[in-house]
Amino acid sequence: MDHSTSDCQLNPGEVDYEFESNEVSEPLSVVDDELVPKVGMTFTTLEDAEKFYRNYAKAAGFSTRVRCTNRKGNEIKNQLITCSKEGKWKSKISPTEKTNPTAGVNCPARIYIHTLKDVGAWIISKVVLDHSHPYCPSKAEMLKQHRELSMSIRRTIENNDEAGIRPSKTYQSFVAAAGGHRDKDSFDRNWNDFLLNFGLADNKWLSDLYEDRHIWVPIYLDHHFWEGMRSTQRSESMHSFFNKYITRNSSLIQFVKQYDNCLGSREQAERESDAADFHTVIPCATKSSIEAQFQDAYTHAKFREVQAQFRGKVNCITRLKNSALGYSVYEVVEQVSSSIFNKFTVTYDSVAAEVKCQCLLFESRGILCRHALSVLSFEQVSQVSPRYILKRWSKKVKRRHTHIKSSHDEPLMEPRSKRFDQLDFRSQNICEFASESEELTAILHRAYDNTMAEMEALKAKRKGTSSLSHEDANLESVNELQSPPRIRTRGRPKNRLGSKLEKQIANATKKKKTKVLSEINMFDAASAAHSNCSQYQGHVINYQFRVPAAGDNSLGV
């Protein structure tokens, strides 16, 4: 008996393994004919066949998945590979409640592969190239199946993650390495292709936007010095700076006090950075004397950025194109990956000691790029011109704003609070010194008693001879410690929030109890009134019909 196993059960009406015709549908996109699968193609292994179909899918702009694999024992006999949008998932959840997107659109594209027993190879016996959905080859790299990472990139990501570098910074470094700095011609070509592909050549708004490209396209702004700033950096940096101290619920007085704390923390961080720049040194990554020049001049934060360019210099190959009268033109080829090389033109004027690169990194960010450093190394330049060392990042700069008095230098405190802080600071030093021995402690006790007696006498004299000053008269009101503002506690409230029905039942029960209590109170009041009335009538009757005793004159008769 032929015992066979299958990873899935195929519906004969859905997938037909037998073919009456070998016709192949035309693909919807233009793909190299060598990549298009055809009936009768043979492969050495099943993995080769799967890889061939994946390469075709990447060129066409879709992804694939293994729909079914039939086995005989542990050996694979045939396999069905379909488009990833094959089939349609029937969810038990209502479409009005389920918002997640689905990929299945019953796409018929597929290939069927089976083994040849005698030869030991694999052959394609059926091919369907038609799709029930549009696909775009230019977006194939966005599909999960076609995303690939080389081992070098994987190691870079892992090392950056261990070093605490954020993923966004790592991604930006890959973007810069892969594409480099584009030129204006490439932007113009891409813009024209965009207008032609979407039929927007006559769109007035896009035409006006293109006319103003010099104020919004980054490549047109590279010759301006921005120091890496972004258009949204001002608001983002301000928000991140103040969010550590204040919230939207902070009162005005809290804002004033916390604003002072913000400035204090910023000043303290700057002092700590200055101290680190003064007392420590970041080792050079290369033997270049130019790197040592930047190491001596720049702060640690900026020197790390410069050092990254020196490390990237090892991936650059410098070639001299032409030279005349001390003016040389170089071509620097930078290897950004195993198969990607970017070319940059660098000019060097030995008379003016000036170097300029096509990427305009120094003009936009104030840092010499790796291409310029490669040319300087080729020219055996030991020191760069002072124009390439900006004073704004020098650790020896004297900041003018540090000599300006601020509210943080002199806190806004009441005179009595200032005096108390001064006395408290000095008293702590005295107590610490006197606690070393019994003799010193006794001296401090005697001085304390004498000082207290003298101050009490002076206070009594001032109280008896003169009125209090305006400052002393308002001490109680000024220094009164107020309760902190109440804030809502986190978590759920102590009392459970009842439903609407529970509230209605509670209100009805409350009204019923109130009605019963009111009726009981009315009954008690009526009973009390009736009892009082009966007692009053009894007194009156006794008063009117009581026979006085002999000699009793209390009633006046």
Protein backbone atom coordinates (compact mmCIF):
# COMPACT_ATOMS: atom_id res chain seq x y z
CA MET A 1 0.00 0.00 0.00
CA ASP A 2 1.21 3.48 -0.83
CA HIS A 3 1.32 5.40 2.42
CA SER A 4 1.52 9.12 1.72
CA THR A 5 1.20 12.10 3.97
CA SER A 6 0.27 15.64 3.12
CA ASP A 7 0.79 18.92 4.92
CA CYS A 8 -2.64 20.05 3.78
CA GLN A 9 -5.65 18.77 1.91
CA LEU A 10 -6.28 20.31 -1.49
CA ASN A 11 -9.70 20.83 -2.92
CA PRO A 12 -9.71 19.33 -6.44
CA GLY A 13 -12.17 21.96 -7.51
CA GLU A 14 -9.92 24.70 -6.25
CA VAL A 15 -6.52 23.45 -7.44
CA ASP A 16 -6.16 21.25 -10.48
CA TYR A 17 -3.03 19.14 -10.65
CA GLU A 18 -3.76 17.77 -14.14
CA PHE A 19 -3.32 19.96 -17.19
CA GLU A 20 -4.94 19.71 -20.53
CA SER A 21 -3.08 22.70 -21.92
CA ASN A 22 0.37 24.14 -21.46
CA GLU A 23 -0.64 27.71 -22.20
CA VAL A 24 1.03 30.34 -20.06
CA SER A 25 -0.74 33.59 -19.22
CA GLU A 26 1.07 36.82 -19.97
CA PRO A 27 2.37 38.65 -16.90
CA LEU A 28 0.90 41.99 -15.94
CA SER A 29 4.30 43.69 -15.71
CA VAL A 30 7.36 43.68 -17.91
CA VAL A 31 9.79 41.12 -16.48
CA ASP A 32 12.90 39.65 -18.05
CA ASP A 33 11.91 36.53 -19.94
CA GLU A 34 14.66 34.53 -18.22
CA LEU A 35 12.99 35.09 -14.85
CA VAL A 36 9.47 34.07 -15.94
CA PRO A 37 8.60 30.49 -14.88
CA LYS A 38 7.52 28.16 -17.68
CA VAL A 39 6.07 24.68 -17.82
CA GLY A 40 8.80 22.08 -18.25
CA MET A 41 11.57 23.92 -16.40
CA THR A 42 13.67 21.52 -14.33
CA PHE A 43 15.72 22.16 -11.19
CA THR A 44 18.21 20.10 -9.26
CA THR A 45 16.59 20.64 -5.87
CA LEU A 46 13.30 21.90 -4.53
CA GLU A 47 15.08 24.84 -2.89
CA ASP A 48 16.36 25.97 -6.30
CA ALA A 49 12.83 25.95 -7.69
CA GLU A 50 11.49 27.93 -4.73
CA LYS A 51 14.32 30.46 -5.04
CA PHE A 52 13.66 30.86 -8.78
CA TYR A 53 9.98 31.64 -8.19
CA ARG A 54 10.85 34.08 -5.38
CA ASN A 55 13.22 35.94 -7.70
CA TYR A 56 10.47 36.18 -10.29
CA ALA A 57 8.02 37.42 -7.65
CA LYS A 58 10.47 40.10 -6.55
CA ALA A 59 10.96 41.27 -10.13
CA ALA A 60 7.20 41.29 -10.74
CA GLY A 61 6.31 42.95 -7.43
CA PHE A 62 4.54 40.35 -5.28
CA SER A 63 5.43 37.76 -2.64
CA THR A 64 4.86 34.01 -2.48
CA ARG A 65 4.08 31.31 0.04
CA VAL A 66 4.01 27.50 0.06
CA ARG A 67 0.34 26.53 -0.23
CA CYS A 68 0.68 22.76 0.08
CA THR A 69 3.33 20.06 0.28
CA ASN A 70 2.53 16.38 -0.34
CA ARG A 71 4.81 13.75 1.15
CA LYS A 72 5.31 10.02 0.88
CA GLY A 73 6.81 9.05 4.16
CA ASN A 74 9.55 11.60 4.77
CA GLU A 75 10.08 12.41 1.11
CA ILE A 76 8.40 15.38 -0.60
CA LYS A 77 6.61 14.41 -3.81
CA ASN A 78 5.08 17.70 -4.98
CA GLN A 79 4.58 21.25 -3.83
CA LEU A 80 2.21 24.08 -4.66
CA ILE A 81 3.56 27.66 -4.41
CA THR A 82 1.05 30.48 -4.74
CA CYS A 83 0.87 34.22 -4.50
CA SER A 84 0.67 35.41 -0.89
CA LYS A 85 -2.77 36.87 -1.67
CA GLU A 86 -4.18 33.48 -2.65
CA GLY A 87 -7.37 32.44 -0.86
CA LYS A 88 -9.63 34.54 1.30
CA TRP A 89 -9.87 34.34 5.05
CA LYS A 90 -13.39 34.08 6.43
CA SER A 91 -13.39 35.69 9.84
CA LYS A 92 -16.00 34.92 12.47
CA ILE A 93 -15.89 38.55 13.58
CA SER A 94 -18.21 41.04 11.95
CA PRO A 95 -16.50 43.35 9.42
CA THR A 96 -17.87 46.32 11.35
CA GLU A 97 -15.91 45.21 14.42
CA LYS A 98 -12.73 43.90 12.74
CA THR A 99 -10.52 46.71 11.45
CA ASN A 100 -7.29 44.79 10.68
CA PRO A 101 -6.49 44.61 6.95
CA THR A 102 -6.52 41.28 5.14
CA ALA A 103 -4.30 40.22 2.23
CA GLY A 104 -6.33 37.40 0.71
CA VAL A 105 -8.10 38.36 -2.53
CA ASN A 106 -8.37 34.90 -4.16
CA CYS A 107 -5.34 35.48 -6.40
CA PRO A 108 -4.95 32.56 -8.88
CA ALA A 109 -1.19 33.02 -9.56
CA ARG A 110 0.74 29.83 -8.73
CA ILE A 111 3.18 27.19 -9.86
CA TYR A 112 3.05 23.43 -9.27
CA ILE A 113 6.29 21.48 -8.85
CA HIS A 114 6.71 17.71 -8.62
CA THR A 115 9.64 15.33 -8.58
CA LEU A 116 10.79 13.11 -11.41
CA LYS A 117 11.35 9.63 -10.01
CA ASP A 118 13.80 8.40 -12.60
CA VAL A 119 15.89 11.56 -12.91
CA GLY A 120 15.72 12.81 -9.32
CA ALA A 121 15.07 16.39 -10.44
CA TRP A 122 12.12 18.75 -9.99
CA ILE A 123 9.93 20.01 -12.82
CA ILE A 124 7.33 22.76 -13.13
CA SER A 125 4.13 21.17 -14.42
CA LYS A 126 1.73 24.11 -14.14
CA VAL A 127 2.12 27.89 -14.22
CA VAL A 128 -0.49 30.61 -13.70
CA LEU A 129 0.87 34.14 -14.06
CA ASP A 130 -2.38 36.11 -13.92
CA HIS A 131 -3.13 38.03 -10.71
CA SER A 132 -6.43 39.34 -9.39
CA HIS A 133 -4.78 42.39 -7.86
CA PRO A 134 -2.38 45.13 -8.96
CA TYR A 135 1.28 44.86 -8.00
CA CYS A 136 4.25 47.22 -8.23
CA PRO A 137 7.83 46.00 -8.81
CA SER A 138 9.30 49.21 -7.37
CA LYS A 139 7.71 48.42 -3.98
CA ALA A 140 8.80 44.80 -3.82
CA GLU A 141 11.45 45.55 -1.19
CA MET A 142 8.67 46.65 1.16
CA LEU A 143 7.29 43.10 1.26
CA LYS A 144 8.48 40.98 4.16
CA GLN A 145 9.67 38.10 1.96
CA HIS A 146 12.05 40.30 -0.04
CA ARG A 147 13.63 42.14 2.87
CA GLU A 148 17.20 41.05 3.37
CA LEU A 149 19.99 42.09 5.74
CA SER A 150 23.61 41.25 5.15
CA MET A 151 25.72 39.95 8.01
CA SER A 152 27.67 43.22 8.22
CA ILE A 153 24.47 45.23 8.60
CA ARG A 154 23.15 42.76 11.18
CA ARG A 155 26.32 43.10 13.23
CA THR A 156 26.16 46.89 12.98
CA ILE A 157 22.59 46.91 14.28
CA GLU A 158 23.48 44.54 17.12
CA ASN A 159 26.56 46.55 18.12
CA ASN A 160 24.63 49.83 18.05
CA ASP A 161 21.87 48.30 20.16
CA GLU A 162 24.37 47.08 22.75
CA ALA A 163 25.99 50.52 22.80
CA GLY A 164 22.63 52.19 23.49
CA ILE A 165 22.31 53.90 20.10
CA ARG A 166 18.68 54.46 19.21
CA PRO A 167 17.24 52.62 16.18
CA SER A 168 16.37 55.93 14.50
CA LYS A 169 20.02 56.98 14.58
CA THR A 170 21.11 53.63 13.17
CA TYR A 171 18.54 53.91 10.39
CA GLN A 172 19.68 57.41 9.46
CA SER A 173 23.27 56.20 9.25
CA PHE A 174 22.19 53.47 6.80
CA VAL A 175 20.26 56.02 4.75
CA ALA A 176 23.29 58.29 4.52
CA ALA A 177 25.57 55.38 3.65
CA ALA A 178 23.29 53.93 0.98
CA GLY A 179 22.27 57.08 -0.83
CA GLY A 180 24.79 59.68 0.16
CA HIS A 181 24.02 63.27 -0.76
CA ARG A 182 21.95 63.52 -3.92
CA ASP A 183 22.51 66.23 -6.48
CA LYS A 184 20.05 68.70 -7.98
CA ASP A 185 19.91 66.93 -11.34
CA SER A 186 18.61 63.72 -9.78
CA PHE A 187 15.88 65.66 -7.98
CA ASP A 188 14.80 67.33 -11.21
CA ARG A 189 14.68 63.98 -13.02
CA ASN A 190 12.66 62.35 -10.25
CA TRP A 191 10.28 65.32 -10.15
CA ASN A 192 9.66 65.19 -13.90
CA ASP A 193 9.14 61.42 -13.80
CA PHE A 194 6.63 61.89 -10.99
CA LEU A 195 4.63 64.45 -12.99
CA LEU A 196 4.62 62.30 -16.14
CA ASN A 197 3.67 59.05 -14.42
CA PHE A 198 0.66 60.59 -12.67
CA GLY A 199 -0.35 63.07 -15.38
CA LEU A 200 0.21 66.14 -13.22
CA ALA A 201 2.29 68.21 -15.62
CA ASP A 202 -0.41 70.92 -15.78
CA ASN A 203 -1.09 71.05 -12.04
CA LYS A 204 -0.68 74.67 -10.92
CA TRP A 205 -0.07 73.91 -7.26
CA LEU A 206 2.78 71.49 -8.05
CA SER A 207 4.22 73.97 -10.54
CA ASP A 208 4.29 76.69 -7.88
CA LEU A 209 5.79 74.22 -5.42
CA TYR A 210 8.55 73.38 -7.88
CA GLU A 211 9.30 77.07 -8.39
CA ASP A 212 9.90 77.39 -4.63
CA ARG A 213 12.05 74.26 -4.43
CA HIS A 214 15.05 76.29 -3.26
CA ILE A 215 13.37 76.92 0.10
CA TRP A 216 12.12 73.41 0.93
CA VAL A 217 14.22 70.79 -0.92
CA PRO A 218 17.18 69.73 1.28
CA ILE A 219 19.62 69.45 -1.65
CA TYR A 220 19.11 73.15 -2.42
CA LEU A 221 19.88 74.07 1.19
CA ASP A 222 23.14 72.15 1.56
CA HIS A 223 25.25 75.23 0.88
CA HIS A 224 23.68 76.94 3.92
CA PHE A 225 24.98 76.27 7.40
CA TRP A 226 22.24 74.56 9.45
CA GLU A 227 24.36 72.50 11.86
CA GLY A 228 22.03 69.53 11.38
CA MET A 229 18.92 71.38 12.56
CA ARG A 230 15.45 70.44 11.33
CA SER A 231 12.38 72.54 10.72
CA THR A 232 10.56 70.97 13.71
CA GLN A 233 13.57 70.86 16.00
CA ARG A 234 12.68 74.09 17.80
CA SER A 235 9.32 72.87 19.06
CA GLU A 236 10.51 69.31 19.67
CA SER A 237 13.50 70.38 21.76
CA MET A 238 11.42 72.85 23.78
CA HIS A 239 8.77 70.23 24.50
CA SER A 240 11.27 67.60 25.60
CA PHE A 241 13.05 70.20 27.74
CA PHE A 242 10.01 71.39 29.70
CA ASN A 243 8.10 68.10 29.86
CA LYS A 244 10.51 66.91 32.55
CA TYR A 245 9.32 69.59 34.98
CA ILE A 246 5.86 70.88 34.08
CA THR A 247 2.63 69.50 32.69
CA ARG A 248 -0.44 71.03 31.15
CA ASN A 249 -2.11 70.95 34.57
CA SER A 250 0.64 72.96 36.28
CA SER A 251 -0.46 76.22 37.85
CA LEU A 252 1.15 79.56 37.10
CA ILE A 253 3.15 79.65 40.33
CA GLN A 254 4.35 76.09 39.69
CA PHE A 255 5.43 77.07 36.20
CA VAL A 256 7.48 80.00 37.52
CA LYS A 257 9.26 77.82 40.08
CA GLN A 258 9.80 74.88 37.74
CA TYR A 259 11.06 77.19 35.00
CA ASP A 260 13.82 78.24 37.37
CA ASN A 261 14.60 74.56 38.00
CA CYS A 262 14.78 73.97 34.24
CA LEU A 263 17.39 76.67 33.81
CA GLY A 264 19.29 75.34 36.79
CA SER A 265 19.41 71.80 35.40
CA ARG A 266 20.52 73.09 32.00
CA GLU A 267 23.29 75.12 33.59
CA GLN A 268 24.37 72.18 35.74
CA ALA A 269 24.50 69.85 32.73
CA GLU A 270 26.61 72.38 30.85
CA ARG A 271 29.01 72.67 33.77
CA GLU A 272 29.36 68.89 33.97
CA SER A 273 30.07 68.70 30.25
CA ASP A 274 32.68 71.45 30.51
CA ALA A 275 34.32 69.61 33.40
CA ALA A 276 34.40 66.37 31.41
CA ASP A 277 35.92 68.16 28.41
CA PHE A 278 38.57 69.70 30.64
CA HIS A 279 39.54 66.65 32.69
CA THR A 280 39.13 63.78 30.20
CA VAL A 281 40.23 63.03 26.64
CA ILE A 282 38.66 60.80 23.99
CA PRO A 283 41.39 58.67 22.36
CA CYS A 284 41.98 59.15 18.65
CA ALA A 285 40.71 56.43 16.35
CA THR A 286 43.53 56.90 13.81
CA LYS A 287 47.12 58.11 13.69
CA SER A 288 46.15 61.27 11.83
CA SER A 289 47.53 64.52 13.21
CA ILE A 290 44.42 66.28 11.91
CA GLU A 291 42.27 64.14 14.19
CA ALA A 292 44.52 65.10 17.11
CA GLN A 293 43.96 68.75 16.15
CA PHE A 294 40.19 68.33 16.40
CA GLN A 295 40.61 66.33 19.60
CA ASP A 296 42.40 69.24 21.25
CA ALA A 297 39.92 71.87 20.03
CA TYR A 298 36.41 70.37 20.05
CA THR A 299 34.15 69.25 22.87
CA HIS A 300 33.57 65.56 23.41
CA ALA A 301 30.12 65.59 21.79
CA LYS A 302 31.28 67.26 18.59
CA PHE A 303 34.57 65.36 18.43
CA ARG A 304 32.65 62.08 18.35
CA GLU A 305 30.89 63.28 15.20
CA VAL A 306 34.20 64.27 13.63
CA GLN A 307 35.73 60.96 14.67
CA ALA A 308 33.01 59.09 12.79
CA GLN A 309 34.22 60.73 9.58
CA PHE A 310 37.79 59.64 10.28
CA ARG A 311 36.60 56.06 10.75
CA GLY A 312 34.67 56.21 7.48
CA LYS A 313 37.78 57.41 5.65
CA VAL A 314 39.06 53.82 5.44
CA ASN A 315 36.24 53.01 2.99
CA CYS A 316 37.33 55.75 0.56
CA ILE A 317 39.65 55.35 -2.43
CA THR A 318 41.21 58.59 -3.72
CA ARG A 319 42.25 59.14 -7.34
CA LEU A 320 43.83 62.28 -8.79
CA LYS A 321 42.02 63.42 -11.94
CA ASN A 322 43.98 66.58 -12.81
CA SER A 323 46.23 69.14 -11.16
CA ALA A 324 47.55 72.56 -12.18
CA LEU A 325 49.18 75.43 -10.26
CA GLY A 326 48.43 73.95 -6.87
CA TYR A 327 44.76 73.33 -7.68
CA SER A 328 43.88 69.63 -7.77
CA VAL A 329 40.68 67.76 -8.58
CA TYR A 330 40.17 64.34 -7.00
CA GLU A 331 37.62 61.59 -7.43
CA VAL A 332 36.83 59.81 -4.17
CA VAL A 333 35.04 56.46 -4.43
CA GLU A 334 33.33 55.41 -1.19
CA GLN A 335 32.30 51.81 -0.67
CA VAL A 336 29.06 51.80 1.32
CA SER A 337 28.35 48.07 0.95
CA SER A 338 29.71 45.00 -0.79
CA SER A 339 28.26 46.10 -4.13
CA ILE A 340 27.47 49.83 -3.79
CA PHE A 341 30.07 52.51 -4.55
CA ASN A 342 29.43 56.25 -4.50
CA LYS A 343 31.62 58.76 -6.32
CA PHE A 344 32.38 62.28 -5.08
CA THR A 345 34.42 65.10 -6.59
CA VAL A 346 36.77 66.88 -4.18
CA THR A 347 38.87 69.95 -4.99
CA TYR A 348 41.96 71.00 -3.06
CA ASP A 349 43.79 74.33 -3.27
CA SER A 350 47.24 73.94 -1.74
CA VAL A 351 47.94 77.69 -1.90
CA ALA A 352 44.83 78.74 0.03
CA ALA A 353 44.80 75.50 2.06
CA GLU A 354 41.16 75.01 1.08
CA VAL A 355 39.33 71.76 0.43
CA LYS A 356 35.78 71.38 -0.85
CA CYS A 357 33.69 68.26 -1.43
CA GLN A 358 30.68 67.71 -3.62
CA CYS A 359 28.63 66.40 -0.68
CA LEU A 360 28.77 69.86 1.03
CA LEU A 361 28.83 68.33 4.50
CA PHE A 362 31.03 71.08 5.91
CA GLU A 363 28.92 73.83 4.35
CA SER A 364 25.71 72.43 5.87
CA ARG A 365 26.86 70.88 9.17
CA GLY A 366 30.29 72.38 9.82
CA ILE A 367 32.14 69.02 9.78
CA LEU A 368 34.79 67.95 7.30
CA CYS A 369 33.52 64.89 5.45
CA ARG A 370 35.43 61.64 5.03
CA HIS A 371 36.02 62.40 1.35
CA ALA A 372 37.79 65.68 2.13
CA LEU A 373 39.78 64.01 4.90
CA SER A 374 40.84 61.31 2.45
CA VAL A 375 42.16 63.95 0.05
CA LEU A 376 43.99 65.77 2.86
CA SER A 377 45.60 62.49 3.84
CA PHE A 378 46.55 61.88 0.21
CA GLU A 379 48.16 65.34 0.09
CA GLN A 380 49.97 64.58 3.40
CA VAL A 381 48.47 67.63 5.12
CA SER A 382 49.29 67.60 8.85
CA GLN A 383 47.17 70.55 10.01
CA VAL A 384 43.92 71.98 8.64
CA SER A 385 43.21 75.65 8.26
CA PRO A 386 41.61 77.37 11.29
CA ARG A 387 38.55 78.08 9.15
CA TYR A 388 37.57 74.42 9.51
CA ILE A 389 37.59 74.57 13.33
CA LEU A 390 34.49 76.48 14.38
CA LYS A 391 34.61 78.36 17.69
CA ARG A 392 31.01 77.47 18.52
CA TRP A 393 32.11 73.90 19.32
CA SER A 394 35.44 74.70 20.94
CA LYS A 395 35.84 73.58 24.55
CA LYS A 396 37.96 76.68 25.23
CA VAL A 397 35.32 79.18 24.19
CA LYS A 398 34.27 81.88 26.67
CA ARG A 399 30.51 82.15 26.63
CA ARG A 400 29.14 85.62 27.08
CA HIS A 401 25.86 84.47 28.58
CA THR A 402 27.65 82.90 31.57
CA HIS A 403 28.51 86.38 32.88
CA ILE A 404 24.88 87.54 32.94
CA LYS A 405 23.07 87.41 36.26
CA SER A 406 19.94 85.29 36.17
CA SER A 407 17.13 84.46 38.53
CA HIS A 408 18.72 81.06 39.07
CA ASP A 409 21.83 82.69 40.54
CA GLU A 410 19.71 84.60 43.06
CA PRO A 411 16.58 82.61 43.94
CA LEU A 412 13.37 84.53 44.60
CA MET A 413 12.99 83.91 48.35
CA GLU A 414 11.64 85.90 51.29
CA PRO A 415 14.29 87.69 53.41
CA ARG A 416 13.46 85.54 56.41
CA SER A 417 13.89 82.34 54.38
CA LYS A 418 17.25 83.55 53.10
CA ARG A 419 18.46 84.32 56.61
CA PHE A 420 17.24 80.95 57.86
CA ASP A 421 19.12 79.09 55.10
CA GLN A 422 22.32 80.96 55.86
CA LEU A 423 22.08 80.26 59.60
CA ASP A 424 21.14 76.64 59.03
CA PHE A 425 24.17 76.07 56.81
CA ARG A 426 26.57 77.61 59.36
CA SER A 427 24.95 75.86 62.32
CA GLN A 428 25.44 72.47 60.69
CA ASN A 429 29.16 73.12 60.38
CA ILE A 430 29.39 74.28 64.00
CA CYS A 431 27.45 71.28 65.32
CA GLU A 432 29.57 68.87 63.33
CA PHE A 433 32.75 70.46 64.68
CA ALA A 434 31.51 70.59 68.31
CA SER A 435 30.35 66.97 68.34
CA GLU A 436 33.94 65.72 68.23
CA SER A 437 34.42 66.01 72.03
CA GLU A 438 32.61 66.81 75.27
CA GLU A 439 34.67 69.97 75.83
CA LEU A 440 33.72 71.43 72.44
CA THR A 441 30.08 70.49 73.03
CA ALA A 442 30.10 72.29 76.40
CA ILE A 443 31.59 75.41 74.80
CA LEU A 444 28.84 75.40 72.17
CA HIS A 445 26.13 74.97 74.84
CA ARG A 446 27.44 77.97 76.82
CA ALA A 447 27.67 80.08 73.68
CA TYR A 448 24.16 79.01 72.70
CA ASP A 449 22.72 79.98 76.12
CA ASN A 450 24.45 83.36 76.09
CA THR A 451 23.38 84.08 72.52
CA MET A 452 19.75 83.11 73.20
CA ALA A 453 19.62 85.36 76.27
CA GLU A 454 21.06 88.27 74.31
CA MET A 455 18.63 87.78 71.40
CA GLU A 456 15.59 87.49 73.70
CA ALA A 457 16.59 90.71 75.47
CA LEU A 458 16.97 92.52 72.14
CA LYS A 459 13.64 91.18 70.89
CA ALA A 460 11.85 92.28 74.08
CA LYS A 461 13.43 95.72 73.86
CA ARG A 462 12.37 96.18 70.24
CA LYS A 463 8.87 94.98 71.00
CA GLY A 464 8.43 97.46 73.82
CA THR A 465 10.03 100.52 72.26
CA SER A 466 9.08 100.42 68.58
CA SER A 467 6.43 98.99 66.34
CA LEU A 468 7.15 96.12 64.03
CA SER A 469 8.39 96.84 60.58
CA HIS A 470 6.24 96.16 57.56
CA GLU A 471 8.40 93.14 56.75
CA ASP A 472 8.08 91.60 60.22
CA ALA A 473 4.37 92.35 60.38
CA ASN A 474 3.70 90.28 57.29
CA LEU A 475 5.94 87.34 58.19
CA GLU A 476 3.06 85.13 59.25
CA SER A 477 1.16 85.66 56.02
CA VAL A 478 4.23 85.46 53.79
CA ASN A 479 5.77 82.34 55.31
CA GLU A 480 2.55 80.44 55.84
CA LEU A 481 3.00 76.97 54.40
CA GLN A 482 0.09 76.09 52.17
CA SER A 483 -1.16 72.61 51.40
CA PRO A 484 -0.03 71.17 48.10
CA PRO A 485 -2.58 71.16 45.28
CA ARG A 486 -4.72 68.07 45.15
CA ILE A 487 -4.13 65.83 42.20
CA ARG A 488 -6.10 62.87 40.99
CA THR A 489 -4.60 59.58 42.09
CA ARG A 490 -3.66 56.95 39.56
CA GLY A 491 -5.53 53.72 39.10
CA ARG A 492 -9.20 52.98 39.49
CA PRO A 493 -11.30 54.88 42.09
CA LYS A 494 -12.01 53.29 45.46
CA ASN A 495 -15.73 53.13 44.74
CA ARG A 496 -16.80 51.00 41.81
CA LEU A 497 -18.65 52.87 39.10
CA GLY A 498 -22.15 51.41 38.96
CA SER A 499 -24.20 50.90 35.85
CA LYS A 500 -27.19 53.01 34.92
CA LEU A 501 -29.61 50.31 36.10
CA GLU A 502 -27.87 50.08 39.48
CA LYS A 503 -28.12 53.84 39.90
CA GLN A 504 -31.84 53.78 39.06
CA ILE A 505 -32.48 50.98 41.56
CA ALA A 506 -30.50 52.82 44.24
CA ASN A 507 -32.40 56.06 43.62
CA ALA A 508 -35.77 54.25 43.73
CA THR A 509 -34.82 52.51 47.00
CA LYS A 510 -33.65 55.82 48.45
CA LYS A 511 -36.91 57.53 47.51
CA LYS A 512 -38.94 54.66 48.98
CA LYS A 513 -37.02 54.82 52.26
CA THR A 514 -37.43 58.58 52.38
CA LYS A 515 -41.19 58.25 51.83
CA VAL A 516 -41.55 55.61 54.57
CA LEU A 517 -39.49 57.68 57.01
CA SER A 518 -41.56 60.77 56.29
CA GLU A 519 -44.78 58.82 56.92
CA ILE A 520 -43.40 57.44 60.18
CA ASN A 521 -42.34 60.91 61.27
CA MET A 522 -45.78 62.29 60.47
CA PHE A 523 -47.43 59.46 62.43
CA ASP A 524 -45.13 60.05 65.42
CA ALA A 525 -45.85 63.77 65.30
CA ALA A 526 -49.61 63.14 65.18
CA SER A 527 -49.40 60.68 68.07
CA ALA A 528 -47.36 63.11 70.12
CA ALA A 529 -49.80 65.91 69.41
CA HIS A 530 -52.76 63.70 70.34
CA SER A 531 -51.06 62.66 73.57
CA ASN A 532 -50.29 66.25 74.50
CA CYS A 533 -53.83 67.27 73.71
CA SER A 534 -55.24 64.51 75.93
CA GLN A 535 -52.99 65.51 78.82
CA TYR A 536 -53.98 69.15 78.40
CA GLN A 537 -57.68 68.27 78.43
CA GLY A 538 -57.19 66.14 81.54
CA HIS A 539 -55.53 69.04 83.33
CA VAL A 540 -58.34 71.33 82.35
CA ILE A 541 -60.96 68.89 83.55
CA ASN A 542 -59.13 68.41 86.82
CA TYR A 543 -58.80 72.12 87.16
CA GLN A 544 -62.49 72.74 86.61
CA PHE A 545 -64.04 69.91 88.64
CA ARG A 546 -61.54 69.30 91.42
CA VAL A 547 -63.13 69.89 94.85
CA PRO A 548 -60.78 71.86 97.06
CA ALA A 549 -59.99 70.60 100.50
CA ALA A 550 -60.99 72.40 103.60
CA GLY A 551 -58.77 75.34 104.26
CA ASP A 552 -57.13 75.13 100.83
CA ASN A 553 -56.71 78.69 99.51
CA SER A 554 -54.26 77.90 96.71
CA LEU A 555 -56.95 78.42 94.09
CA GLY A 556 -57.89 81.79 95.42
CA VAL A 557 -61.41 80.90 96.52
